Structures are given as structure tokens and as C-alpha cells.
Amino acid sequence: MTSDHETGRPAAASLSGAPSLSGPLTGPLKSYLGHHLPRAATSAAELDALRRRAWKQDGVLSLRDGDDRLSWPERELVRQLGERLYGARAITIIDQD
């Protein structure tokens, strides 16, 4: 069993039996590789730039079936291609009460 550095008491265990992560080193765990990962795009403009770069550099096309820049027949084609290649999407019903 492990013990707490400062108090010498046994470390608290979680329900799964693993030691808890409470104490002086709490907070999100950081990875050595974290600084090599790209940061997440946060705005619509950044996402659009990412999609544009993927298309121009790699020929990867990323579309939303609800993209307002597409006409209805284009959006329907995107939906049909997605279903053909990847299967039907899950339908989420929102209660509007």
C-alpha cells in the first residue's frame, strides 16, 4: 500500500481500488507529448481554415450536411454519400415542451 509523502498515512483508495489523486499534485495530468499536439480549433473561421487546408493539401473534404453555403441538392448529396459510406446517422429528438 502506498502512503502520503507528507503525513505518512496510507493513500486513500478510490472505489476501483486505485489510489486517489488527491494531495499536493492535484490537477489535470500532463503528457510529455502534449506540446506536440495541435490545439483545438475554437472558432468557425479556424475550423473552416482547417477544412480548406485539408482539402488543398491532402484532398480530404470535410462537409456538414447542414452547411448553408450548399444548395438543397448538394446537402442531400452529402447526406446520401455519408450514409452510403458510413451508415445512417443517429437521430436525436429534442423535446420542445
N, C-alpha and C. Protein backbone atom coordinates (compact mmCIF):
# COMPACT_ATOMS: atom_id res chain seq x y z
N MET A 1 0.85 -1.18 0.00
CA MET A 1 0.00 0.00 0.00
C MET A 1 0.89 1.23 0.00
N THR A 2 0.49 2.27 -0.73
CA THR A 2 1.28 3.49 -0.77
C THR A 2 0.90 4.40 0.38
N SER A 3 1.78 5.34 0.70
CA SER A 3 1.46 6.30 1.76
C SER A 3 1.68 7.71 1.26
N ASP A 4 1.01 8.63 1.90
CA ASP A 4 1.12 10.05 1.58
C ASP A 4 2.49 10.52 2.03
N HIS A 5 3.21 11.25 1.16
CA HIS A 5 4.55 11.75 1.48
C HIS A 5 4.59 12.58 2.75
N GLU A 6 3.66 13.52 2.85
CA GLU A 6 3.73 14.49 3.94
C GLU A 6 3.26 13.94 5.28
N THR A 7 2.22 13.11 5.26
CA THR A 7 1.64 12.66 6.53
C THR A 7 2.06 11.26 6.91
N GLY A 8 2.52 10.47 5.95
CA GLY A 8 2.87 9.09 6.24
C GLY A 8 1.66 8.18 6.32
N ARG A 9 0.45 8.75 6.17
CA ARG A 9 -0.77 7.95 6.21
C ARG A 9 -0.94 7.21 4.90
N PRO A 10 -1.63 6.08 4.92
CA PRO A 10 -1.91 5.37 3.67
C PRO A 10 -2.70 6.26 2.73
N ALA A 11 -2.40 6.18 1.44
CA ALA A 11 -3.13 6.97 0.44
C ALA A 11 -4.55 6.45 0.34
N ALA A 12 -5.49 7.36 0.16
CA ALA A 12 -6.89 6.97 0.02
C ALA A 12 -7.08 6.20 -1.28
N ALA A 13 -7.91 5.21 -1.26
CA ALA A 13 -8.18 4.41 -2.46
C ALA A 13 -9.54 4.79 -3.02
N SER A 14 -9.66 4.74 -4.33
CA SER A 14 -10.94 5.01 -4.96
C SER A 14 -11.78 3.75 -4.92
N LEU A 15 -12.99 3.82 -5.42
CA LEU A 15 -13.87 2.66 -5.43
C LEU A 15 -13.28 1.53 -6.27
N SER A 16 -12.47 1.84 -7.26
CA SER A 16 -11.89 0.81 -8.12
C SER A 16 -10.66 0.18 -7.47
N GLY A 17 -10.23 0.69 -6.33
CA GLY A 17 -9.06 0.14 -5.66
C GLY A 17 -7.77 0.88 -5.98
N ALA A 18 -7.81 1.77 -6.94
CA ALA A 18 -6.61 2.54 -7.30
C ALA A 18 -6.46 3.70 -6.32
N PRO A 19 -5.22 4.12 -6.05
CA PRO A 19 -5.03 5.26 -5.16
C PRO A 19 -5.68 6.51 -5.73
N SER A 20 -6.18 7.37 -4.87
CA SER A 20 -6.79 8.61 -5.35
C SER A 20 -5.68 9.58 -5.76
N LEU A 21 -6.04 10.56 -6.53
CA LEU A 21 -5.07 11.56 -6.99
C LEU A 21 -5.19 12.85 -6.20
N SER A 22 -5.66 12.77 -4.96
CA SER A 22 -5.77 13.98 -4.16
C SER A 22 -4.45 14.24 -3.46
N GLY A 23 -4.20 15.47 -3.13
CA GLY A 23 -2.97 15.82 -2.45
C GLY A 23 -2.30 16.99 -3.13
N PRO A 24 -1.01 17.16 -2.91
CA PRO A 24 -0.32 18.34 -3.43
C PRO A 24 -0.19 18.37 -4.94
N LEU A 25 -0.36 17.25 -5.62
CA LEU A 25 -0.19 17.22 -7.07
C LEU A 25 -1.51 17.06 -7.79
N THR A 26 -2.57 17.65 -7.27
CA THR A 26 -3.86 17.53 -7.94
C THR A 26 -3.90 18.42 -9.16
N GLY A 27 -4.82 18.14 -10.03
CA GLY A 27 -4.96 18.90 -11.27
C GLY A 27 -4.88 17.95 -12.44
N PRO A 28 -5.06 18.46 -13.65
CA PRO A 28 -5.04 17.58 -14.82
C PRO A 28 -3.65 16.99 -15.02
N LEU A 29 -3.62 15.72 -15.39
CA LEU A 29 -2.35 15.07 -15.68
C LEU A 29 -1.82 15.61 -17.01
N LYS A 30 -0.56 15.89 -17.08
CA LYS A 30 0.03 16.43 -18.29
C LYS A 30 0.91 15.39 -18.96
N SER A 31 0.85 15.35 -20.26
CA SER A 31 1.63 14.41 -21.03
C SER A 31 2.87 15.11 -21.56
N TYR A 32 3.96 14.36 -21.64
CA TYR A 32 5.19 14.88 -22.23
C TYR A 32 4.94 15.27 -23.69
N LEU A 33 4.05 14.53 -24.36
CA LEU A 33 3.77 14.78 -25.78
C LEU A 33 2.74 15.88 -26.01
N GLY A 34 2.16 16.42 -24.94
CA GLY A 34 1.11 17.40 -25.06
C GLY A 34 1.49 18.62 -25.88
N HIS A 35 2.73 19.06 -25.78
CA HIS A 35 3.12 20.26 -26.53
C HIS A 35 3.32 19.97 -28.01
N HIS A 36 3.31 18.70 -28.41
CA HIS A 36 3.43 18.34 -29.83
C HIS A 36 2.08 18.25 -30.52
N LEU A 37 1.01 18.21 -29.74
CA LEU A 37 -0.32 18.09 -30.30
C LEU A 37 -0.85 19.46 -30.72
N PRO A 38 -1.58 19.52 -31.84
CA PRO A 38 -2.15 20.81 -32.22
C PRO A 38 -3.26 21.19 -31.25
N ARG A 39 -3.44 22.48 -31.04
CA ARG A 39 -4.52 22.91 -30.16
C ARG A 39 -5.84 22.79 -30.93
N ALA A 40 -6.91 22.66 -30.22
CA ALA A 40 -8.22 22.52 -30.84
C ALA A 40 -8.65 23.84 -31.48
N ALA A 41 -9.23 23.75 -32.67
CA ALA A 41 -9.77 24.95 -33.31
C ALA A 41 -10.98 25.41 -32.52
N THR A 42 -11.08 26.69 -32.28
CA THR A 42 -12.14 27.17 -31.40
C THR A 42 -13.21 27.99 -32.09
N SER A 43 -12.95 28.49 -33.25
CA SER A 43 -13.95 29.33 -33.91
C SER A 43 -14.33 28.73 -35.26
N ALA A 44 -15.46 29.19 -35.78
CA ALA A 44 -15.93 28.72 -37.08
C ALA A 44 -14.91 29.05 -38.17
N ALA A 45 -14.29 30.22 -38.07
CA ALA A 45 -13.28 30.62 -39.06
C ALA A 45 -12.07 29.70 -39.02
N GLU A 46 -11.63 29.34 -37.81
CA GLU A 46 -10.49 28.42 -37.68
C GLU A 46 -10.83 27.03 -38.22
N LEU A 47 -12.05 26.57 -37.93
CA LEU A 47 -12.47 25.27 -38.45
C LEU A 47 -12.53 25.29 -39.98
N ASP A 48 -13.05 26.38 -40.53
CA ASP A 48 -13.13 26.50 -41.99
C ASP A 48 -11.73 26.53 -42.60
N ALA A 49 -10.80 27.22 -41.97
CA ALA A 49 -9.41 27.26 -42.47
C ALA A 49 -8.78 25.87 -42.41
N LEU A 50 -9.08 25.13 -41.34
CA LEU A 50 -8.57 23.76 -41.22
C LEU A 50 -9.12 22.88 -42.32
N ARG A 51 -10.43 23.00 -42.58
CA ARG A 51 -11.04 22.22 -43.66
C ARG A 51 -10.45 22.60 -45.02
N ARG A 52 -10.25 23.88 -45.25
CA ARG A 52 -9.68 24.36 -46.52
C ARG A 52 -8.28 23.79 -46.73
N ARG A 53 -7.46 23.84 -45.67
CA ARG A 53 -6.09 23.32 -45.75
C ARG A 53 -6.09 21.81 -46.01
N ALA A 54 -6.99 21.08 -45.35
CA ALA A 54 -7.08 19.63 -45.55
C ALA A 54 -7.43 19.30 -46.99
N TRP A 55 -8.33 20.08 -47.57
CA TRP A 55 -8.71 19.86 -48.96
C TRP A 55 -7.56 20.17 -49.91
N LYS A 56 -6.93 21.32 -49.72
CA LYS A 56 -5.88 21.75 -50.64
C LYS A 56 -4.61 20.90 -50.53
N GLN A 57 -4.26 20.51 -49.31
CA GLN A 57 -3.01 19.76 -49.13
C GLN A 57 -3.18 18.25 -49.31
N ASP A 58 -4.31 17.71 -48.84
CA ASP A 58 -4.45 16.26 -48.77
C ASP A 58 -5.62 15.70 -49.57
N GLY A 59 -6.45 16.58 -50.15
CA GLY A 59 -7.60 16.09 -50.88
C GLY A 59 -8.68 15.52 -49.97
N VAL A 60 -8.68 15.92 -48.71
CA VAL A 60 -9.67 15.47 -47.74
C VAL A 60 -10.77 16.53 -47.66
N LEU A 61 -11.99 16.10 -47.91
CA LEU A 61 -13.12 17.02 -47.91
C LEU A 61 -13.95 16.78 -46.66
N SER A 62 -14.15 17.82 -45.87
CA SER A 62 -14.93 17.74 -44.65
C SER A 62 -16.16 18.63 -44.80
N LEU A 63 -17.34 18.01 -44.79
CA LEU A 63 -18.58 18.75 -45.00
C LEU A 63 -19.59 18.44 -43.91
N ARG A 64 -20.43 19.42 -43.62
CA ARG A 64 -21.60 19.19 -42.77
C ARG A 64 -22.79 19.13 -43.70
N ASP A 65 -23.71 18.21 -43.44
CA ASP A 65 -24.86 18.11 -44.32
C ASP A 65 -25.81 19.30 -44.18
N GLY A 66 -25.60 20.12 -43.17
CA GLY A 66 -26.44 21.30 -42.99
C GLY A 66 -25.73 22.59 -43.35
N ASP A 67 -24.62 22.53 -44.08
CA ASP A 67 -23.86 23.73 -44.44
C ASP A 67 -24.72 24.65 -45.31
N ASP A 68 -24.96 25.87 -44.84
CA ASP A 68 -25.82 26.83 -45.55
C ASP A 68 -25.24 27.30 -46.88
N ARG A 69 -23.95 27.09 -47.09
CA ARG A 69 -23.34 27.50 -48.36
C ARG A 69 -23.69 26.55 -49.50
N LEU A 70 -24.25 25.39 -49.15
CA LEU A 70 -24.62 24.41 -50.16
C LEU A 70 -26.12 24.52 -50.47
N SER A 71 -26.46 24.25 -51.71
CA SER A 71 -27.88 24.22 -52.09
C SER A 71 -28.51 22.94 -51.52
N TRP A 72 -29.85 22.87 -51.56
CA TRP A 72 -30.51 21.68 -51.03
C TRP A 72 -30.04 20.41 -51.74
N PRO A 73 -29.96 20.38 -53.10
CA PRO A 73 -29.49 19.15 -53.76
C PRO A 73 -28.06 18.78 -53.34
N GLU A 74 -27.21 19.77 -53.13
CA GLU A 74 -25.83 19.49 -52.68
C GLU A 74 -25.82 18.91 -51.27
N ARG A 75 -26.62 19.49 -50.37
CA ARG A 75 -26.71 18.96 -49.00
C ARG A 75 -27.25 17.53 -49.00
N GLU A 76 -28.24 17.28 -49.85
CA GLU A 76 -28.82 15.94 -49.94
C GLU A 76 -27.79 14.95 -50.47
N LEU A 77 -26.97 15.36 -51.43
CA LEU A 77 -25.91 14.50 -51.96
C LEU A 77 -24.90 14.17 -50.86
N VAL A 78 -24.54 15.17 -50.09
CA VAL A 78 -23.61 14.94 -48.97
C VAL A 78 -24.20 13.92 -47.99
N ARG A 79 -25.48 14.09 -47.66
CA ARG A 79 -26.14 13.16 -46.74
C ARG A 79 -26.15 11.74 -47.30
N GLN A 80 -26.50 11.61 -48.59
CA GLN A 80 -26.56 10.29 -49.21
C GLN A 80 -25.19 9.63 -49.28
N LEU A 81 -24.17 10.41 -49.61
CA LEU A 81 -22.81 9.85 -49.65
C LEU A 81 -22.37 9.39 -48.25
N GLY A 82 -22.66 10.21 -47.24
CA GLY A 82 -22.32 9.84 -45.87
C GLY A 82 -22.99 8.56 -45.44
N GLU A 83 -24.28 8.43 -45.75
CA GLU A 83 -24.99 7.21 -45.39
C GLU A 83 -24.47 6.00 -46.15
N ARG A 84 -24.13 6.19 -47.41
CA ARG A 84 -23.61 5.08 -48.21
C ARG A 84 -22.26 4.60 -47.69
N LEU A 85 -21.40 5.54 -47.34
CA LEU A 85 -20.05 5.17 -46.90
C LEU A 85 -19.98 4.77 -45.43
N TYR A 86 -20.78 5.42 -44.57
CA TYR A 86 -20.62 5.25 -43.13
C TYR A 86 -21.87 4.79 -42.40
N GLY A 87 -23.00 4.70 -43.09
CA GLY A 87 -24.24 4.29 -42.43
C GLY A 87 -25.05 5.49 -41.99
N ALA A 88 -26.29 5.21 -41.61
CA ALA A 88 -27.21 6.27 -41.20
C ALA A 88 -26.76 6.92 -39.89
N ARG A 89 -27.05 8.20 -39.75
CA ARG A 89 -26.75 8.93 -38.53
C ARG A 89 -27.79 8.64 -37.47
N ALA A 90 -27.41 8.77 -36.23
CA ALA A 90 -28.36 8.64 -35.13
C ALA A 90 -29.24 9.87 -35.12
N ILE A 91 -30.51 9.68 -34.92
CA ILE A 91 -31.44 10.80 -34.89
C ILE A 91 -31.69 11.19 -33.44
N THR A 92 -31.51 12.47 -33.14
CA THR A 92 -31.77 12.99 -31.81
C THR A 92 -33.03 13.81 -31.85
N ILE A 93 -33.98 13.42 -31.01
CA ILE A 93 -35.25 14.16 -30.94
C ILE A 93 -35.20 15.05 -29.71
N ILE A 94 -35.42 16.34 -29.91
CA ILE A 94 -35.39 17.30 -28.82
C ILE A 94 -36.82 17.63 -28.43
N ASP A 95 -37.13 17.41 -27.15
CA ASP A 95 -38.47 17.72 -26.66
C ASP A 95 -38.60 19.23 -26.53
N GLN A 96 -39.59 19.83 -27.15
CA GLN A 96 -39.72 21.28 -27.16
C GLN A 96 -40.79 21.77 -26.22
N ASP A 97 -41.03 21.07 -25.14
CA ASP A 97 -42.02 21.50 -24.14
C ASP A 97 -41.52 22.65 -23.32
